[in-house]
Structure formats: structure tokens, C-alpha cells
C-alpha atoms as a PDB file:
ATOM      1  CA  MET A   1       4.855 106.258 -78.102  1.00  0.00           C
ATOM      2  CA  GLU A   2       5.885 107.546 -75.125  1.00  0.00           C
ATOM      3  CA  ASN A   3       2.741 108.499 -74.019  1.00  0.00           C
ATOM      4  CA  ILE A   4       1.473 104.264 -74.901  1.00  0.00           C
ATOM      5  CA  SER A   5       4.662 103.208 -72.662  1.00  0.00           C
ATOM      6  CA  THR A   6       3.546 105.649 -69.760  1.00  0.00           C
ATOM      7  CA  GLY A   7      -0.330 104.566 -69.923  1.00  0.00           C
ATOM      8  CA  LEU A   8       1.093 101.183 -70.317  1.00  0.00           C
ATOM      9  CA  LYS A   9       3.235 101.808 -66.971  1.00  0.00           C
ATOM     10  CA  TRP A  10       0.386 103.365 -64.777  1.00  0.00           C
ATOM     11  CA  VAL A  11      -2.270 100.666 -66.308  1.00  0.00           C
ATOM     12  CA  ILE A  12       0.323  97.777 -64.915  1.00  0.00           C
ATOM     13  CA  GLY A  13       0.434  99.428 -61.679  1.00  0.00           C
ATOM     14  CA  ILE A  14      -2.999  99.860 -61.135  1.00  0.00           C
ATOM     15  CA  ILE A  15      -4.083  95.897 -61.907  1.00  0.00           C
ATOM     16  CA  VAL A  16      -0.641  95.199 -59.762  1.00  0.00           C
ATOM     17  CA  THR A  17      -2.072  97.265 -56.903  1.00  0.00           C
ATOM     18  CA  ILE A  18      -5.447  95.661 -56.893  1.00  0.00           C
ATOM     19  CA  LEU A  19      -4.369  92.597 -56.951  1.00  0.00           C
ATOM     20  CA  ILE A  20      -2.058  93.316 -53.722  1.00  0.00           C
ATOM     21  CA  ILE A  21      -5.153  94.478 -52.144  1.00  0.00           C
ATOM     22  CA  ALA A  22      -7.007  91.790 -53.190  1.00  0.00           C
ATOM     23  CA  ALA A  23      -5.094  89.462 -51.515  1.00  0.00           C
ATOM     24  CA  GLY A  24      -4.771  91.072 -48.502  1.00  0.00           C
ATOM     25  CA  VAL A  25      -8.468  91.338 -48.228  1.00  0.00           C
ATOM     26  CA  SER A  26      -8.566  87.054 -48.655  1.00  0.00           C
ATOM     27  CA  ILE A  27      -6.093  86.470 -46.410  1.00  0.00           C
ATOM     28  CA  TYR A  28      -7.537  88.574 -43.872  1.00  0.00           C
ATOM     29  CA  LEU A  29     -10.787  87.153 -44.306  1.00  0.00           C
ATOM     30  CA  VAL A  30      -9.128  83.532 -43.848  1.00  0.00           C
ATOM     31  CA  ILE A  31      -7.236  84.403 -40.526  1.00  0.00           C
ATOM     32  CA  ASN A  32     -10.345  86.110 -38.826  1.00  0.00           C
ATOM     33  CA  ASN A  33     -12.227  82.836 -39.322  1.00  0.00           C
ATOM     34  CA  TYR A  34      -8.855  81.299 -37.041  1.00  0.00           C
ATOM     35  CA  PHE A  35      -8.893  84.241 -35.116  1.00  0.00           C
ATOM     36  CA  ILE A  36     -12.911  83.929 -34.683  1.00  0.00           C
ATOM     37  CA  ARG A  37     -12.499  79.988 -33.783  1.00  0.00           C
ATOM     38  CA  ALA A  38      -9.443  80.399 -31.263  1.00  0.00           C
ATOM     39  CA  GLN A  39     -11.320  82.894 -29.121  1.00  0.00           C
ATOM     40  CA  GLU A  40     -14.353  80.182 -28.860  1.00  0.00           C
ATOM     41  CA  GLN A  41     -12.036  77.778 -27.895  1.00  0.00           C
ATOM     42  CA  THR A  42     -10.170  80.215 -25.119  1.00  0.00           C
ATOM     43  CA  LEU A  43     -13.897  81.439 -23.849  1.00  0.00           C
ATOM     44  CA  ALA A  44     -14.518  77.768 -23.851  1.00  0.00           C
ATOM     45  CA  GLN A  45     -11.562  76.523 -21.780  1.00  0.00           C
ATOM     46  CA  THR A  46     -11.936  79.656 -19.400  1.00  0.00           C
ATOM     47  CA  GLN A  47     -15.787  78.456 -18.363  1.00  0.00           C
ATOM     48  CA  MET A  48     -14.499  74.777 -18.237  1.00  0.00           C
ATOM     49  CA  ILE A  49     -11.183  75.726 -15.975  1.00  0.00           C
ATOM     50  CA  ASN A  50     -13.916  78.341 -13.849  1.00  0.00           C
ATOM     51  CA  GLN A  51     -16.265  75.260 -13.045  1.00  0.00           C
ATOM     52  CA  ALA A  52     -13.384  73.000 -12.500  1.00  0.00           C
ATOM     53  CA  GLU A  53     -13.311  74.423  -8.906  1.00  0.00           C
ATOM     54  CA  PHE A  54     -16.810  72.712  -8.767  1.00  0.00           C
ATOM     55  CA  ASN A  55     -16.258  69.161  -9.474  1.00  0.00           C
ATOM     56  CA  SER A  56     -14.773  68.084  -5.896  1.00  0.00           C
ATOM     57  CA  TYR A  57     -18.519  69.021  -4.680  1.00  0.00           C
ATOM     58  CA  ASP A  58     -20.653  67.454  -8.118  1.00  0.00           C
ATOM     59  CA  ASN A  59     -22.305  64.844  -6.213  1.00  0.00           C
ATOM     60  CA  LYS A  60     -19.220  63.554  -3.305  1.00  0.00           C
ATOM     61  CA  ASP A  61     -18.892  62.808  -0.145  1.00  0.00           C
ATOM     62  CA  VAL A  62     -17.021  65.413   1.315  1.00  0.00           C
ATOM     63  CA  SER A  63     -16.321  66.138   4.790  1.00  0.00           C
ATOM     64  CA  GLY A  64     -17.439  68.653   7.586  1.00  0.00           C
ATOM     65  CA  GLN A  65     -14.030  70.285   7.133  1.00  0.00           C
ATOM     66  CA  ASP A  66     -14.612  70.318   3.610  1.00  0.00           C
ATOM     67  CA  VAL A  67     -18.224  72.117   4.385  1.00  0.00           C
ATOM     68  CA  ILE A  68     -16.413  74.811   6.241  1.00  0.00           C
ATOM     69  CA  ASN A  69     -13.697  75.521   3.865  1.00  0.00           C
ATOM     70  CA  ALA A  70     -16.095  75.728   1.305  1.00  0.00           C
ATOM     71  CA  ALA A  71     -18.351  78.704   3.281  1.00  0.00           C
ATOM     72  CA  MET A  72     -14.676  80.451   3.825  1.00  0.00           C
ATOM     73  CA  ARG A  73     -13.684  80.015   0.108  1.00  0.00           C
ATOM     74  CA  TYR A  74     -16.793  81.268  -1.191  1.00  0.00           C
ATOM     75  CA  LYS A  75     -18.175  83.144   1.146  1.00  0.00           C
ATOM     76  CA  GLY A  76     -17.219  86.944  -1.027  1.00  0.00           C
ATOM     77  CA  ARG A  77     -18.911  85.557  -4.489  1.00  0.00           C
ATOM     78  CA  PRO A  78     -21.915  86.955  -5.701  1.00  0.00           C
ATOM     79  CA  GLN A  79     -24.354  85.136  -6.733  1.00  0.00           C
ATOM     80  CA  PHE A  80     -23.965  82.030  -5.070  1.00  0.00           C
ATOM     81  CA  ALA A  81     -24.893  80.475  -2.198  1.00  0.00           C
ATOM     82  CA  ILE A  82     -24.312  77.350   0.267  1.00  0.00           C
ATOM     83  CA  PHE A  83     -26.816  75.560   2.114  1.00  0.00           C
ATOM     84  CA  ILE A  84     -26.055  73.228   4.644  1.00  0.00           C
ATOM     85  CA  LYS A  85     -28.329  70.557   6.166  1.00  0.00           C
ATOM     86  CA  THR A  86     -26.790  68.636   9.581  1.00  0.00           C
ATOM     87  CA  GLY A  87     -27.636  65.921  11.268  1.00  0.00           C
ATOM     88  CA  GLU A  88     -29.363  67.798  13.995  1.00  0.00           C
ATOM     89  CA  ASN A  89     -30.690  70.449  11.476  1.00  0.00           C
ATOM     90  CA  THR A  90     -32.655  69.039   8.793  1.00  0.00           C
ATOM     91  CA  GLU A  91     -34.517  72.288   7.298  1.00  0.00           C
ATOM     92  CA  GLY A  92     -31.053  73.435   7.120  1.00  0.00           C
ATOM     93  CA  PHE A  93     -29.313  76.718   6.740  1.00  0.00           C
ATOM     94  CA  TYR A  94     -27.150  79.140   4.584  1.00  0.00           C
ATOM     95  CA  ALA A  95     -22.953  79.820   4.883  1.00  0.00           C
ATOM     96  CA  GLU A  96     -22.832  83.363   5.539  1.00  0.00           C
ATOM     97  CA  ASN A  97     -22.488  85.514   2.259  1.00  0.00           C
ATOM     98  CA  THR A  98     -21.403  88.755   1.280  1.00  0.00           C
ATOM     99  CA  TYR A  99     -24.179  89.366  -0.916  1.00  0.00           C
ATOM    100  CA  GLY A 100     -26.316  87.905   1.210  1.00  0.00           C
ATOM    101  CA  ALA A 101     -27.373  85.710  -1.050  1.00  0.00           C
ATOM    102  CA  LYS A 102     -29.886  82.634  -0.636  1.00  0.00           C
ATOM    103  CA  TYR A 103     -31.354  80.796  -3.254  1.00  0.00           C
ATOM    104  CA  ALA A 104     -34.282  77.889  -3.169  1.00  0.00           C
ATOM    105  CA  VAL A 105     -33.269  74.596  -3.268  1.00  0.00           C
ATOM    106  CA  PRO A 106     -34.502  72.950  -6.778  1.00  0.00           C
ATOM    107  CA  SER A 107     -36.661  69.835  -6.401  1.00  0.00           C
ATOM    108  CA  SER A 108     -35.106  67.588  -8.293  1.00  0.00           C
ATOM    109  CA  SER A 109     -31.510  66.571  -8.654  1.00  0.00           C
ATOM    110  CA  GLY A 110     -29.065  68.788 -10.827  1.00  0.00           C
ATOM    111  CA  GLY A 111     -32.308  70.896 -11.409  1.00  0.00           C
ATOM    112  CA  VAL A 112     -31.893  74.347 -12.667  1.00  0.00           C
ATOM    113  CA  LEU A 113     -31.746  77.160 -10.307  1.00  0.00           C
ATOM    114  CA  ASP A 114     -34.584  79.376 -10.010  1.00  0.00           C
ATOM    115  CA  PHE A 115     -33.904  82.901  -9.256  1.00  0.00           C
ATOM    116  CA  THR A 116     -37.487  84.045  -9.073  1.00  0.00           C
ATOM    117  CA  THR A 117     -37.719  81.913  -5.735  1.00  0.00           C
ATOM    118  CA  PRO A 118     -35.141  82.920  -3.274  1.00  0.00           C
ATOM    119  CA  GLY A 119     -34.129  80.894  -0.802  1.00  0.00           C
ATOM    120  CA  THR A 120     -35.716  81.370   3.145  1.00  0.00           C
ATOM    121  CA  GLY A 121     -34.129  80.435   6.189  1.00  0.00           C
ATOM    122  CA  VAL A 122     -31.084  82.242   8.540  1.00  0.00           C
ATOM    123  CA  SER A 123     -27.495  82.535   7.372  1.00  0.00           C
ATOM    124  CA  LYS A 124     -24.676  81.453   9.857  1.00  0.00           C
ATOM    125  CA  THR A 125     -20.865  82.655  10.461  1.00  0.00           C
ATOM    126  CA  ILE A 126     -17.794  80.376  10.433  1.00  0.00           C
ATOM    127  CA  SER A 127     -17.851  81.005  14.019  1.00  0.00           C
ATOM    128  CA  GLN A 128     -21.619  79.877  14.899  1.00  0.00           C
ATOM    129  CA  MET A 129     -21.009  76.989  12.410  1.00  0.00           C
ATOM    130  CA  MET A 130     -17.310  75.758  14.775  1.00  0.00           C
ATOM    131  CA  ASP A 131     -19.639  76.402  17.737  1.00  0.00           C
ATOM    132  CA  ILE A 132     -19.844  73.069  19.318  1.00  0.00           C
ATOM    133  CA  GLU A 133     -22.049  74.658  22.326  1.00  0.00           C
ATOM    134  CA  ASP A 134     -24.835  75.269  19.228  1.00  0.00           C
ATOM    135  CA  ASP A 135     -25.845  71.081  18.422  1.00  0.00           C
ATOM    136  CA  LYS A 136     -28.602  72.901  15.558  1.00  0.00           C
ATOM    137  CA  TYR A 137     -25.621  75.157  13.596  1.00  0.00           C
ATOM    138  CA  ASN A 138     -22.432  73.037  14.762  1.00  0.00           C
ATOM    139  CA  ILE A 139     -20.541  71.201  11.744  1.00  0.00           C
ATOM    140  CA  ASN A 140     -18.380  68.193  13.186  1.00  0.00           C
ATOM    141  CA  THR A 141     -15.505  68.513  10.991  1.00  0.00           C
ATOM    142  CA  LEU A 142     -15.106  64.745  10.843  1.00  0.00           C
ATOM    143  CA  GLY A 143     -18.826  64.123   9.867  1.00  0.00           C
ATOM    144  CA  ARG A 144     -19.916  63.485   5.851  1.00  0.00           C
ATOM    145  CA  PHE A 145     -21.689  65.126   3.835  1.00  0.00           C
ATOM    146  CA  LYS A 146     -23.397  64.805   0.683  1.00  0.00           C
ATOM    147  CA  ALA A 147     -22.277  67.614  -1.838  1.00  0.00           C
ATOM    148  CA  GLU A 148     -24.715  68.519  -4.731  1.00  0.00           C
ATOM    149  CA  ILE A 149     -24.176  71.276  -6.824  1.00  0.00           C
ATOM    150  CA  PHE A 150     -27.041  73.590  -9.011  1.00  0.00           C
ATOM    151  CA  ARG A 151     -26.413  75.452 -11.954  1.00  0.00           C
ATOM    152  CA  ASP A 152     -28.568  77.998 -13.093  1.00  0.00           C
ATOM    153  CA  LYS A 153     -29.989  78.649 -16.803  1.00  0.00           C
ATOM    154  CA  ASN A 154     -25.973  79.532 -18.215  1.00  0.00           C
ATOM    155  CA  GLU A 155     -24.414  76.562 -16.704  1.00  0.00           C
ATOM    156  CA  GLU A 156     -22.821  78.748 -13.895  1.00  0.00           C
ATOM    157  CA  VAL A 157     -22.553  77.141 -10.455  1.00  0.00           C
ATOM    158  CA  ARG A 158     -24.943  79.520  -8.267  1.00  0.00           C
ATOM    159  CA  LEU A 159     -25.742  76.589  -5.311  1.00  0.00           C
ATOM    160  CA  ILE A 160     -24.024  74.176  -3.014  1.00  0.00           C
ATOM    161  CA  VAL A 161     -25.894  71.586  -0.819  1.00  0.00           C
ATOM    162  CA  PHE A 162     -24.395  70.199   2.109  1.00  0.00           C
ATOM    163  CA  THR A 163     -26.405  67.196   3.469  1.00  0.00           C
ATOM    164  CA  GLN A 164     -25.496  65.235   6.544  1.00  0.00           C
ATOM    165  CA  PRO A 165     -27.233  61.975   6.471  1.00  0.00           C
ATOM    166  CA  LYS A 166     -28.629  60.691   9.440  1.00  0.00           C
END
């Protein structure tokens, strides 16, 4: 009788242990889905915040001072370029970039940037853009420019084009 009682306790203990393990696994599976979804939402929000800094340049009219500020702000950003066309220089030029990045401007507005076609043209420093002696590359801080951003296939902003109307 005592052996039956001991065996029954063992069986009940094993069943309770299996139930606890099964409950733990099911809770893990439910919570894991919530963690995955939270991680995806966090990643999406982070990407949205990172790209929000370019909203002020997305098909907006900006001043020449904004062009200078953008050239200074993004000078050290890898895989990023700023292309500027002034009223005196319709061919355009690039703002100097620490990484020497130059991307060809896509033919269509809002087009996807093609990395296989490098941009051609000269790069100018901030001081050269502010030099009033050189009309070809001078940016009038009070002038108006139309800003346009271009993204790559991953929806990352890689190029800002500033065009000054004549």
C-alpha cells in the first residue's frame, strides 16, 4: 500500500511538472509574439524619426542660409550628397563631403537614386560657397532655393538637390 502511495505521488509530481513546463512554454510563445511586434514597431519609429530631419527639405522652398546650414550639417554623413544649382551656375556643383560622395541626380522628380551612376562635377567647401568674389559658386544667403530629396531603394535619403530659380 505504501508503494502505491509513493508511486502515485511520483506520477502526480511528474504530471504537475509537465503542466508547469507546458504553461511556461505557451506563455513564452504568446509573449514572444508581443516582443517581436514591439521590436518591429520600435524599428519603424526609429527609422521615421531618423528620416524626419529631412522633412524640411522635401519639395520645400528654403533660403540660401538653409542651403549653407545643410551643407555644414551633413558634411560628415557617409553615403550622402548635396547638389546645388544657383542662378549663375545652372550646371550645379556638390557641397564638399568628408566621404567624397557624389550621386547623379535622377531624371524624374522623386526618383530612386541609382548608385551605379556616380555624379560628376566639382565639390566646393562652405567658405567657397560663401565667397562673394566668385559668382559661379556663391550662395546668396537671402536667396530662395527649391529643395528636393532623393532616396535609395531602401528609402534612405541620400541626396538633396537645391535649385535656385532664375
